[in-house]
């Protein structure tokens, strides 16, 4: 007789077989790089400003970059969670159809 898995173990197995963790890690790296790029753009754009103004612009640019990256990261995580949920539903449906066909046969 086959030992039944708990739903938590099954979800871990489904996530292990998808790119769930890699996609979240890549989106975090992308958002951190976005903050750096925005900071560099602000730094390059304020080249002719006095140092105090340049520092203020750099601080404001980094704050804007962090805000934009946080919004983007939350959007991407929600997107990946939705994709993961659809994959889980499809795999559970495939398993139930297979079990139903085995029961009918």
PDB file of N, CA and C in Angstrom:
ATOM      1  N   UNK A   1       0.843  -1.175   0.000  1.00  0.00           N
ATOM      2  CA  UNK A   1       0.000   0.000   0.000  1.00  0.00           C
ATOM      3  C   UNK A   1       0.889   1.239   0.000  1.00  0.00           C
ATOM      4  N   UNK A   2       0.522   2.196  -0.805  1.00  0.00           N
ATOM      5  CA  UNK A   2       1.310   3.418  -0.947  1.00  0.00           C
ATOM      6  C   UNK A   2       1.085   4.340   0.247  1.00  0.00           C
ATOM      7  N   UNK A   3       2.186   4.852   0.771  1.00  0.00           N
ATOM      8  CA  UNK A   3       2.096   5.763   1.908  1.00  0.00           C
ATOM      9  C   UNK A   3       1.655   7.139   1.407  1.00  0.00           C
ATOM     10  N   UNK A   4       0.650   7.717   2.031  1.00  0.00           N
ATOM     11  CA  UNK A   4       0.150   9.016   1.583  1.00  0.00           C
ATOM     12  C   UNK A   4       1.017  10.137   2.149  1.00  0.00           C
ATOM     13  N   UNK A   5       1.285  11.115   1.300  1.00  0.00           N
ATOM     14  CA  UNK A   5       2.071  12.281   1.716  1.00  0.00           C
ATOM     15  C   UNK A   5       1.139  13.333   2.293  1.00  0.00           C
ATOM     16  N   UNK A   6       1.686  14.131   3.155  1.00  0.00           N
ATOM     17  CA  UNK A   6       0.900  15.259   3.633  1.00  0.00           C
ATOM     18  C   UNK A   6       0.888  16.331   2.549  1.00  0.00           C
ATOM     19  N   UNK A   7      -0.051  17.230   2.623  1.00  0.00           N
ATOM     20  CA  UNK A   7      -0.153  18.265   1.590  1.00  0.00           C
ATOM     21  C   UNK A   7       1.054  19.193   1.611  1.00  0.00           C
ATOM     22  N   UNK A   8       1.633  19.423   2.778  1.00  0.00           N
ATOM     23  CA  UNK A   8       2.814  20.284   2.864  1.00  0.00           C
ATOM     24  C   UNK A   8       4.010  19.648   2.167  1.00  0.00           C
ATOM     25  N   UNK A   9       4.205  18.348   2.349  1.00  0.00           N
ATOM     26  CA  UNK A   9       5.293  17.656   1.662  1.00  0.00           C
ATOM     27  C   UNK A   9       5.076  17.659   0.157  1.00  0.00           C
ATOM     28  N   UNK A  10       3.829  17.521  -0.266  1.00  0.00           N
ATOM     29  CA  UNK A  10       3.521  17.543  -1.689  1.00  0.00           C
ATOM     30  C   UNK A  10       3.804  18.915  -2.279  1.00  0.00           C
ATOM     31  N   UNK A  11       3.421  19.980  -1.572  1.00  0.00           N
ATOM     32  CA  UNK A  11       3.698  21.328  -2.058  1.00  0.00           C
ATOM     33  C   UNK A  11       5.197  21.582  -2.153  1.00  0.00           C
ATOM     34  N   UNK A  12       5.962  21.100  -1.178  1.00  0.00           N
ATOM     35  CA  UNK A  12       7.416  21.256  -1.240  1.00  0.00           C
ATOM     36  C   UNK A  12       7.990  20.516  -2.440  1.00  0.00           C
ATOM     37  N   UNK A  13       7.457  19.338  -2.726  1.00  0.00           N
ATOM     38  CA  UNK A  13       7.934  18.575  -3.875  1.00  0.00           C
ATOM     39  C   UNK A  13       7.599  19.276  -5.181  1.00  0.00           C
ATOM     40  N   UNK A  14       6.414  19.866  -5.266  1.00  0.00           N
ATOM     41  CA  UNK A  14       6.028  20.595  -6.476  1.00  0.00           C
ATOM     42  C   UNK A  14       6.923  21.809  -6.663  1.00  0.00           C
ATOM     43  N   UNK A  15       7.173  22.555  -5.597  1.00  0.00           N
ATOM     44  CA  UNK A  15       8.034  23.736  -5.697  1.00  0.00           C
ATOM     45  C   UNK A  15       9.474  23.364  -6.007  1.00  0.00           C
ATOM     46  N   UNK A  16       9.907  22.220  -5.530  1.00  0.00           N
ATOM     47  CA  UNK A  16      11.271  21.790  -5.800  1.00  0.00           C
ATOM     48  C   UNK A  16      11.448  21.488  -7.288  1.00  0.00           C
ATOM     49  N   UNK A  17      10.388  21.065  -7.946  1.00  0.00           N
ATOM     50  CA  UNK A  17      10.458  20.715  -9.362  1.00  0.00           C
ATOM     51  C   UNK A  17      10.203  21.905 -10.276  1.00  0.00           C
ATOM     52  N   UNK A  18       9.941  23.068  -9.744  1.00  0.00           N
ATOM     53  CA  UNK A  18       9.734  24.262 -10.559  1.00  0.00           C
ATOM     54  C   UNK A  18      10.852  25.255 -10.290  1.00  0.00           C
ATOM     55  N   UNK A  19      10.816  26.353 -10.982  1.00  0.00           N
ATOM     56  CA  UNK A  19      11.844  27.389 -10.823  1.00  0.00           C
ATOM     57  C   UNK A  19      11.398  28.446  -9.818  1.00  0.00           C
ATOM     58  N   UNK A  20      10.651  28.038  -8.809  1.00  0.00           N
ATOM     59  CA  UNK A  20      10.063  28.984  -7.862  1.00  0.00           C
ATOM     60  C   UNK A  20      11.130  29.758  -7.098  1.00  0.00           C
ATOM     61  N   UNK A  21      12.051  29.066  -6.466  1.00  0.00           N
ATOM     62  CA  UNK A  21      13.059  29.758  -5.652  1.00  0.00           C
ATOM     63  C   UNK A  21      14.045  30.524  -6.514  1.00  0.00           C
ATOM     64  N   UNK A  22      14.400  29.973  -7.673  1.00  0.00           N
ATOM     65  CA  UNK A  22      15.334  30.675  -8.547  1.00  0.00           C
ATOM     66  C   UNK A  22      14.734  31.965  -9.078  1.00  0.00           C
ATOM     67  N   UNK A  23      13.458  31.951  -9.409  1.00  0.00           N
ATOM     68  CA  UNK A  23      12.828  33.158  -9.939  1.00  0.00           C
ATOM     69  C   UNK A  23      12.741  34.242  -8.870  1.00  0.00           C
ATOM     70  N   UNK A  24      12.467  33.866  -7.635  1.00  0.00           N
ATOM     71  CA  UNK A  24      12.423  34.860  -6.553  1.00  0.00           C
ATOM     72  C   UNK A  24      13.804  35.441  -6.294  1.00  0.00           C
ATOM     73  N   UNK A  25      14.831  34.608  -6.340  1.00  0.00           N
ATOM     74  CA  UNK A  25      16.196  35.090  -6.125  1.00  0.00           C
ATOM     75  C   UNK A  25      16.620  36.021  -7.247  1.00  0.00           C
ATOM     76  N   UNK A  26      16.316  35.639  -8.478  1.00  0.00           N
ATOM     77  CA  UNK A  26      16.679  36.490  -9.613  1.00  0.00           C
ATOM     78  C   UNK A  26      15.950  37.827  -9.575  1.00  0.00           C
ATOM     79  N   UNK A  27      14.694  37.823  -9.171  1.00  0.00           N
ATOM     80  CA  UNK A  27      13.972  39.093  -9.101  1.00  0.00           C
ATOM     81  C   UNK A  27      14.540  39.990  -8.009  1.00  0.00           C
ATOM     82  N   UNK A  28      14.989  39.412  -6.894  1.00  0.00           N
ATOM     83  CA  UNK A  28      15.615  40.208  -5.840  1.00  0.00           C
ATOM     84  C   UNK A  28      16.931  40.810  -6.328  1.00  0.00           C
ATOM     85  N   UNK A  29      17.743  40.018  -7.012  1.00  0.00           N
ATOM     86  CA  UNK A  29      19.009  40.521  -7.562  1.00  0.00           C
ATOM     87  C   UNK A  29      18.741  41.622  -8.578  1.00  0.00           C
ATOM     88  N   UNK A  30      17.737  41.422  -9.431  1.00  0.00           N
ATOM     89  CA  UNK A  30      17.395  42.422 -10.437  1.00  0.00           C
ATOM     90  C   UNK A  30      16.975  43.739  -9.777  1.00  0.00           C
ATOM     91  N   UNK A  31      16.200  43.666  -8.727  1.00  0.00           N
ATOM     92  CA  UNK A  31      15.745  44.889  -8.057  1.00  0.00           C
ATOM     93  C   UNK A  31      16.889  45.608  -7.354  1.00  0.00           C
ATOM     94  N   UNK A  32      17.818  44.867  -6.768  1.00  0.00           N
ATOM     95  CA  UNK A  32      18.981  45.502  -6.144  1.00  0.00           C
ATOM     96  C   UNK A  32      19.845  46.173  -7.209  1.00  0.00           C
ATOM     97  N   UNK A  33      20.019  45.513  -8.343  1.00  0.00           N
ATOM     98  CA  UNK A  33      20.776  46.122  -9.440  1.00  0.00           C
ATOM     99  C   UNK A  33      20.077  47.367  -9.976  1.00  0.00           C
ATOM    100  N   UNK A  34      18.754  47.353  -9.974  1.00  0.00           N
ATOM    101  CA  UNK A  34      18.005  48.520 -10.438  1.00  0.00           C
ATOM    102  C   UNK A  34      18.271  49.734  -9.558  1.00  0.00           C
ATOM    103  N   UNK A  35      18.365  49.531  -8.255  1.00  0.00           N
ATOM    104  CA  UNK A  35      18.692  50.635  -7.344  1.00  0.00           C
ATOM    105  C   UNK A  35      20.073  51.182  -7.677  1.00  0.00           C
ATOM    106  N   UNK A  36      21.032  50.300  -7.927  1.00  0.00           N
ATOM    107  CA  UNK A  36      22.379  50.739  -8.281  1.00  0.00           C
ATOM    108  C   UNK A  36      22.419  51.502  -9.588  1.00  0.00           C
ATOM    109  N   UNK A  37      21.674  51.047 -10.569  1.00  0.00           N
ATOM    110  CA  UNK A  37      21.645  51.728 -11.868  1.00  0.00           C
ATOM    111  C   UNK A  37      21.013  53.106 -11.738  1.00  0.00           C
ATOM    112  N   UNK A  38      19.931  53.212 -10.992  1.00  0.00           N
ATOM    113  CA  UNK A  38      19.297  54.519 -10.793  1.00  0.00           C
ATOM    114  C   UNK A  38      20.244  55.452 -10.056  1.00  0.00           C
ATOM    115  N   UNK A  39      20.955  54.940  -9.049  1.00  0.00           N
ATOM    116  CA  UNK A  39      21.937  55.756  -8.334  1.00  0.00           C
ATOM    117  C   UNK A  39      23.053  56.236  -9.244  1.00  0.00           C
ATOM    118  N   UNK A  40      23.551  55.356 -10.112  1.00  0.00           N
ATOM    119  CA  UNK A  40      24.608  55.755 -11.049  1.00  0.00           C
ATOM    120  C   UNK A  40      24.114  56.779 -12.066  1.00  0.00           C
ATOM    121  N   UNK A  41      22.886  56.616 -12.525  1.00  0.00           N
ATOM    122  CA  UNK A  41      22.328  57.592 -13.469  1.00  0.00           C
ATOM    123  C   UNK A  41      22.185  58.966 -12.824  1.00  0.00           C
ATOM    124  N   UNK A  42      21.716  58.997 -11.597  1.00  0.00           N
ATOM    125  CA  UNK A  42      21.605  60.275 -10.882  1.00  0.00           C
ATOM    126  C   UNK A  42      22.987  60.872 -10.653  1.00  0.00           C
ATOM    127  N   UNK A  43      23.943  60.040 -10.287  1.00  0.00           N
ATOM    128  CA  UNK A  43      25.307  60.512 -10.047  1.00  0.00           C
ATOM    129  C   UNK A  43      25.912  61.098 -11.321  1.00  0.00           C
ATOM    130  N   UNK A  44      25.674  60.441 -12.453  1.00  0.00           N
ATOM    131  CA  UNK A  44      26.211  60.938 -13.723  1.00  0.00           C
ATOM    132  C   UNK A  44      25.467  62.180 -14.199  1.00  0.00           C
ATOM    133  N   UNK A  45      24.183  62.263 -13.926  1.00  0.00           N
ATOM    134  CA  UNK A  45      23.391  63.398 -14.406  1.00  0.00           C
ATOM    135  C   UNK A  45      23.680  64.673 -13.623  1.00  0.00           C
ATOM    136  N   UNK A  46      24.156  64.553 -12.403  1.00  0.00           N
ATOM    137  CA  UNK A  46      24.412  65.735 -11.570  1.00  0.00           C
ATOM    138  C   UNK A  46      25.900  66.060 -11.496  1.00  0.00           C
ATOM    139  N   UNK A  47      26.607  65.788 -12.551  1.00  0.00           N
ATOM    140  CA  UNK A  47      28.056  65.974 -12.571  1.00  0.00           C
ATOM    141  C   UNK A  47      28.460  67.435 -12.411  1.00  0.00           C
ATOM    142  N   UNK A  48      27.646  68.354 -12.903  1.00  0.00           N
ATOM    143  CA  UNK A  48      27.999  69.777 -12.875  1.00  0.00           C
ATOM    144  C   UNK A  48      27.491  70.494 -11.628  1.00  0.00           C
ATOM    145  N   UNK A  49      26.791  69.819 -10.775  1.00  0.00           N
ATOM    146  CA  UNK A  49      26.235  70.426  -9.564  1.00  0.00           C
ATOM    147  C   UNK A  49      27.306  70.517  -8.471  1.00  0.00           C
ATOM    148  N   UNK A  50      27.124  71.436  -7.529  1.00  0.00           N
ATOM    149  CA  UNK A  50      28.019  71.440  -6.361  1.00  0.00           C
ATOM    150  C   UNK A  50      27.853  70.146  -5.554  1.00  0.00           C
ATOM    151  N   UNK A  51      28.841  69.848  -4.731  1.00  0.00           N
ATOM    152  CA  UNK A  51      28.858  68.560  -4.023  1.00  0.00           C
ATOM    153  C   UNK A  51      27.636  68.377  -3.123  1.00  0.00           C
ATOM    154  N   UNK A  52      27.212  69.420  -2.425  1.00  0.00           N
ATOM    155  CA  UNK A  52      26.050  69.298  -1.528  1.00  0.00           C
ATOM    156  C   UNK A  52      24.776  68.983  -2.304  1.00  0.00           C
ATOM    157  N   UNK A  53      24.594  69.663  -3.440  1.00  0.00           N
ATOM    158  CA  UNK A  53      23.411  69.402  -4.270  1.00  0.00           C
ATOM    159  C   UNK A  53      23.491  68.000  -4.884  1.00  0.00           C
ATOM    160  N   UNK A  54      24.687  67.632  -5.282  1.00  0.00           N
ATOM    161  CA  UNK A  54      24.876  66.314  -5.879  1.00  0.00           C
ATOM    162  C   UNK A  54      24.558  65.211  -4.857  1.00  0.00           C
ATOM    163  N   UNK A  55      24.997  65.410  -3.632  1.00  0.00           N
ATOM    164  CA  UNK A  55      24.728  64.435  -2.577  1.00  0.00           C
ATOM    165  C   UNK A  55      23.229  64.343  -2.280  1.00  0.00           C
ATOM    166  N   UNK A  56      22.555  65.492  -2.280  1.00  0.00           N
ATOM    167  CA  UNK A  56      21.102  65.492  -2.050  1.00  0.00           C
ATOM    168  C   UNK A  56      20.375  64.773  -3.188  1.00  0.00           C
ATOM    169  N   UNK A  57      20.780  65.039  -4.426  1.00  0.00           N
ATOM    170  CA  UNK A  57      20.174  64.363  -5.565  1.00  0.00           C
ATOM    171  C   UNK A  57      20.430  62.859  -5.515  1.00  0.00           C
ATOM    172  N   UNK A  58      21.630  62.482  -5.124  1.00  0.00           N
ATOM    173  CA  UNK A  58      21.970  61.067  -5.032  1.00  0.00           C
ATOM    174  C   UNK A  58      21.121  60.368  -3.963  1.00  0.00           C
ATOM    175  N   UNK A  59      20.942  61.025  -2.831  1.00  0.00           N
ATOM    176  CA  UNK A  59      20.105  60.464  -1.768  1.00  0.00           C
ATOM    177  C   UNK A  59      18.658  60.323  -2.237  1.00  0.00           C
ATOM    178  N   UNK A  60      18.136  61.369  -2.872  1.00  0.00           N
ATOM    179  CA  UNK A  60      16.753  61.317  -3.368  1.00  0.00           C
ATOM    180  C   UNK A  60      16.603  60.262  -4.462  1.00  0.00           C
ATOM    181  N   UNK A  61      17.596  60.156  -5.325  1.00  0.00           N
ATOM    182  CA  UNK A  61      17.546  59.146  -6.383  1.00  0.00           C
ATOM    183  C   UNK A  61      17.581  57.735  -5.838  1.00  0.00           C
ATOM    184  N   UNK A  62      18.395  57.525  -4.816  1.00  0.00           N
ATOM    185  CA  UNK A  62      18.436  56.195  -4.202  1.00  0.00           C
ATOM    186  C   UNK A  62      17.124  55.863  -3.501  1.00  0.00           C
ATOM    187  N   UNK A  63      16.513  56.850  -2.858  1.00  0.00           N
ATOM    188  CA  UNK A  63      15.198  56.608  -2.244  1.00  0.00           C
ATOM    189  C   UNK A  63      14.153  56.264  -3.302  1.00  0.00           C
ATOM    190  N   UNK A  64      14.179  56.993  -4.412  1.00  0.00           N
ATOM    191  CA  UNK A  64      13.244  56.694  -5.499  1.00  0.00           C
ATOM    192  C   UNK A  64      13.522  55.312  -6.085  1.00  0.00           C
ATOM    193  N   UNK A  65      14.797  54.967  -6.207  1.00  0.00           N
ATOM    194  CA  UNK A  65      15.150  53.647  -6.720  1.00  0.00           C
ATOM    195  C   UNK A  65      14.710  52.528  -5.799  1.00  0.00           C
ATOM    196  N   UNK A  66      14.856  52.739  -4.504  1.00  0.00           N
ATOM    197  CA  UNK A  66      14.415  51.728  -3.535  1.00  0.00           C
ATOM    198  C   UNK A  66      12.898  51.576  -3.590  1.00  0.00           C
ATOM    199  N   UNK A  67      12.185  52.686  -3.694  1.00  0.00           N
ATOM    200  CA  UNK A  67      10.720  52.612  -3.773  1.00  0.00           C
ATOM    201  C   UNK A  67      10.279  51.890  -5.045  1.00  0.00           C
ATOM    202  N   UNK A  68      10.896  52.239  -6.172  1.00  0.00           N
ATOM    203  CA  UNK A  68      10.544  51.584  -7.435  1.00  0.00           C
ATOM    204  C   UNK A  68      10.892  50.097  -7.393  1.00  0.00           C
ATOM    205  N   UNK A  69      12.041  49.778  -6.835  1.00  0.00           N
ATOM    206  CA  UNK A  69      12.448  48.373  -6.757  1.00  0.00           C
ATOM    207  C   UNK A  69      11.557  47.575  -5.815  1.00  0.00           C
ATOM    208  N   UNK A  70      11.140  48.183  -4.724  1.00  0.00           N
ATOM    209  CA  UNK A  70      10.243  47.480  -3.800  1.00  0.00           C
ATOM    210  C   UNK A  70       8.911  47.169  -4.473  1.00  0.00           C
ATOM    211  N   UNK A  71       8.380  48.136  -5.205  1.00  0.00           N
ATOM    212  CA  UNK A  71       7.123  47.900  -5.925  1.00  0.00           C
ATOM    213  C   UNK A  71       7.295  46.809  -6.981  1.00  0.00           C
ATOM    214  N   UNK A  72       8.398  46.885  -7.724  1.00  0.00           N
ATOM    215  CA  UNK A  72       8.656  45.881  -8.751  1.00  0.00           C
ATOM    216  C   UNK A  72       8.850  44.504  -8.140  1.00  0.00           C
ATOM    217  N   UNK A  73       9.562  44.428  -7.023  1.00  0.00           N
ATOM    218  CA  UNK A  73       9.806  43.136  -6.376  1.00  0.00           C
ATOM    219  C   UNK A  73       8.498  42.518  -5.887  1.00  0.00           C
ATOM    220  N   UNK A  74       7.639  43.318  -5.275  1.00  0.00           N
ATOM    221  CA  UNK A  74       6.355  42.787  -4.801  1.00  0.00           C
ATOM    222  C   UNK A  74       5.486  42.329  -5.967  1.00  0.00           C
ATOM    223  N   UNK A  75       5.524  43.064  -7.068  1.00  0.00           N
ATOM    224  CA  UNK A  75       4.767  42.660  -8.254  1.00  0.00           C
ATOM    225  C   UNK A  75       5.293  41.333  -8.803  1.00  0.00           C
ATOM    226  N   UNK A  76       6.624  41.217  -8.917  1.00  0.00           N
ATOM    227  CA  UNK A  76       7.203  39.986  -9.454  1.00  0.00           C
ATOM    228  C   UNK A  76       6.941  38.789  -8.545  1.00  0.00           C
ATOM    229  N   UNK A  77       7.037  38.987  -7.235  1.00  0.00           N
ATOM    230  CA  UNK A  77       6.770  37.886  -6.304  1.00  0.00           C
ATOM    231  C   UNK A  77       5.312  37.444  -6.415  1.00  0.00           C
ATOM    232  N   UNK A  78       4.396  38.388  -6.533  1.00  0.00           N
ATOM    233  CA  UNK A  78       2.985  38.026  -6.705  1.00  0.00           C
ATOM    234  C   UNK A  78       2.779  37.263  -8.010  1.00  0.00           C
ATOM    235  N   UNK A  79       3.473  37.687  -9.053  1.00  0.00           N
ATOM    236  CA  UNK A  79       3.381  37.003 -10.343  1.00  0.00           C
ATOM    237  C   UNK A  79       3.918  35.576 -10.235  1.00  0.00           C
ATOM    238  N   UNK A  80       5.054  35.405  -9.576  1.00  0.00           N
ATOM    239  CA  UNK A  80       5.632  34.069  -9.424  1.00  0.00           C
ATOM    240  C   UNK A  80       4.765  33.190  -8.531  1.00  0.00           C
ATOM    241  N   UNK A  81       4.166  33.764  -7.493  1.00  0.00           N
ATOM    242  CA  UNK A  81       3.268  32.991  -6.632  1.00  0.00           C
ATOM    243  C   UNK A  81       2.043  32.525  -7.411  1.00  0.00           C
ATOM    244  N   UNK A  82       1.528  33.400  -8.273  1.00  0.00           N
ATOM    245  CA  UNK A  82       0.376  33.030  -9.085  1.00  0.00           C
ATOM    246  C   UNK A  82       0.750  31.915 -10.061  1.00  0.00           C
ATOM    247  N   UNK A  83       1.911  32.030 -10.682  1.00  0.00           N
ATOM    248  CA  UNK A  83       2.363  30.987 -11.600  1.00  0.00           C
ATOM    249  C   UNK A  83       2.566  29.672 -10.869  1.00  0.00           C
ATOM    250  N   UNK A  84       3.144  29.739  -9.685  1.00  0.00           N
ATOM    251  CA  UNK A  84       3.359  28.531  -8.890  1.00  0.00           C
ATOM    252  C   UNK A  84       2.034  27.890  -8.501  1.00  0.00           C
ATOM    253  N   UNK A  85       1.054  28.709  -8.152  1.00  0.00           N
ATOM    254  CA  UNK A  85      -0.258  28.174  -7.790  1.00  0.00           C
ATOM    255  C   UNK A  85      -0.914  27.476  -8.982  1.00  0.00           C
ATOM    256  N   UNK A  86      -0.778  28.068 -10.171  1.00  0.00           N
ATOM    257  CA  UNK A  86      -1.352  27.431 -11.358  1.00  0.00           C
ATOM    258  C   UNK A  86      -0.669  26.100 -11.657  1.00  0.00           C
ATOM    259  N   UNK A  87       0.649  26.045 -11.475  1.00  0.00           N
ATOM    260  CA  UNK A  87       1.361  24.779 -11.670  1.00  0.00           C
ATOM    261  C   UNK A  87       0.910  23.725 -10.669  1.00  0.00           C
ATOM    262  N   UNK A  88       0.717  24.131  -9.429  1.00  0.00           N
ATOM    263  CA  UNK A  88       0.272  23.184  -8.408  1.00  0.00           C
ATOM    264  C   UNK A  88      -1.118  22.647  -8.724  1.00  0.00           C
ATOM    265  N   UNK A  89      -2.005  23.534  -9.158  1.00  0.00           N
ATOM    266  CA  UNK A  89      -3.359  23.100  -9.509  1.00  0.00           C
ATOM    267  C   UNK A  89      -3.309  22.119 -10.671  1.00  0.00           C
ATOM    268  N   UNK A  90      -2.481  22.419 -11.671  1.00  0.00           N
ATOM    269  CA  UNK A  90      -2.378  21.527 -12.827  1.00  0.00           C
ATOM    270  C   UNK A  90      -1.817  20.163 -12.431  1.00  0.00           C
ATOM    271  N   UNK A  91      -0.814  20.145 -11.557  1.00  0.00           N
ATOM    272  CA  UNK A  91      -0.232  18.863 -11.149  1.00  0.00           C
ATOM    273  C   UNK A  91      -1.200  18.063 -10.282  1.00  0.00           C
ATOM    274  N   UNK A  92      -1.928  18.735  -9.393  1.00  0.00           N
ATOM    275  CA  UNK A  92      -2.916  18.023  -8.585  1.00  0.00           C
ATOM    276  C   UNK A  92      -4.052  17.497  -9.462  1.00  0.00           C
ATOM    277  N   UNK A  93      -4.451  18.273 -10.464  1.00  0.00           N
ATOM    278  CA  UNK A  93      -5.513  17.831 -11.358  1.00  0.00           C
ATOM    279  C   UNK A  93      -5.044  16.625 -12.171  1.00  0.00           C
ATOM    280  N   UNK A  94      -3.797  16.681 -12.648  1.00  0.00           N
ATOM    281  CA  UNK A  94      -3.254  15.552 -13.398  1.00  0.00           C
ATOM    282  C   UNK A  94      -3.197  14.296 -12.527  1.00  0.00           C
ATOM    283  N   UNK A  95      -2.811  14.457 -11.283  1.00  0.00           N
ATOM    284  CA  UNK A  95      -2.738  13.321 -10.365  1.00  0.00           C
ATOM    285  C   UNK A  95      -4.136  12.758 -10.093  1.00  0.00           C
ATOM    286  N   UNK A  96      -5.132  13.631  -9.935  1.00  0.00           N
ATOM    287  CA  UNK A  96      -6.485  13.133  -9.652  1.00  0.00           C
ATOM    288  C   UNK A  96      -7.084  12.441 -10.867  1.00  0.00           C
ATOM    289  N   UNK A  97      -6.781  12.938 -12.069  1.00  0.00           N
ATOM    290  CA  UNK A  97      -7.279  12.279 -13.283  1.00  0.00           C
ATOM    291  C   UNK A  97      -6.638  10.903 -13.425  1.00  0.00           C
ATOM    292  N   UNK A  98      -5.334  10.831 -13.143  1.00  0.00           N
ATOM    293  CA  UNK A  98      -4.630   9.549 -13.225  1.00  0.00           C
ATOM    294  C   UNK A  98      -5.210   8.559 -12.215  1.00  0.00           C
ATOM    295  N   UNK A  99      -5.486   9.037 -11.000  1.00  0.00           N
ATOM    296  CA  UNK A  99      -6.060   8.170  -9.968  1.00  0.00           C
ATOM    297  C   UNK A  99      -7.470   7.727 -10.355  1.00  0.00           C
ATOM    298  N   UNK A 100      -8.245   8.641 -10.932  1.00  0.00           N
ATOM    299  CA  UNK A 100      -9.608   8.310 -11.349  1.00  0.00           C
ATOM    300  C   UNK A 100      -9.581   7.277 -12.474  1.00  0.00           C
ATOM    301  N   UNK A 101      -8.659   7.443 -13.428  1.00  0.00           N
ATOM    302  CA  UNK A 101      -8.559   6.484 -14.526  1.00  0.00           C
ATOM    303  C   UNK A 101      -8.111   5.113 -14.023  1.00  0.00           C
ATOM    304  N   UNK A 102      -7.225   5.098 -13.030  1.00  0.00           N
ATOM    305  CA  UNK A 102      -6.810   3.821 -12.444  1.00  0.00           C
ATOM    306  C   UNK A 102      -7.973   3.158 -11.712  1.00  0.00           C
ATOM    307  N   UNK A 103      -8.817   3.956 -11.079  1.00  0.00           N
ATOM    308  CA  UNK A 103      -9.960   3.400 -10.350  1.00  0.00           C
ATOM    309  C   UNK A 103     -11.009   2.849 -11.314  1.00  0.00           C
ATOM    310  N   UNK A 104     -11.183   3.514 -12.474  1.00  0.00           N
ATOM    311  CA  UNK A 104     -12.176   3.070 -13.450  1.00  0.00           C
ATOM    312  C   UNK A 104     -11.711   1.794 -14.142  1.00  0.00           C
ATOM    313  N   UNK A 105     -10.412   1.706 -14.406  1.00  0.00           N
ATOM    314  CA  UNK A 105      -9.879   0.549 -15.152  1.00  0.00           C
ATOM    315  C   UNK A 105      -9.878  -0.725 -14.373  1.00  0.00           C
TER     316      UNK A 105
END
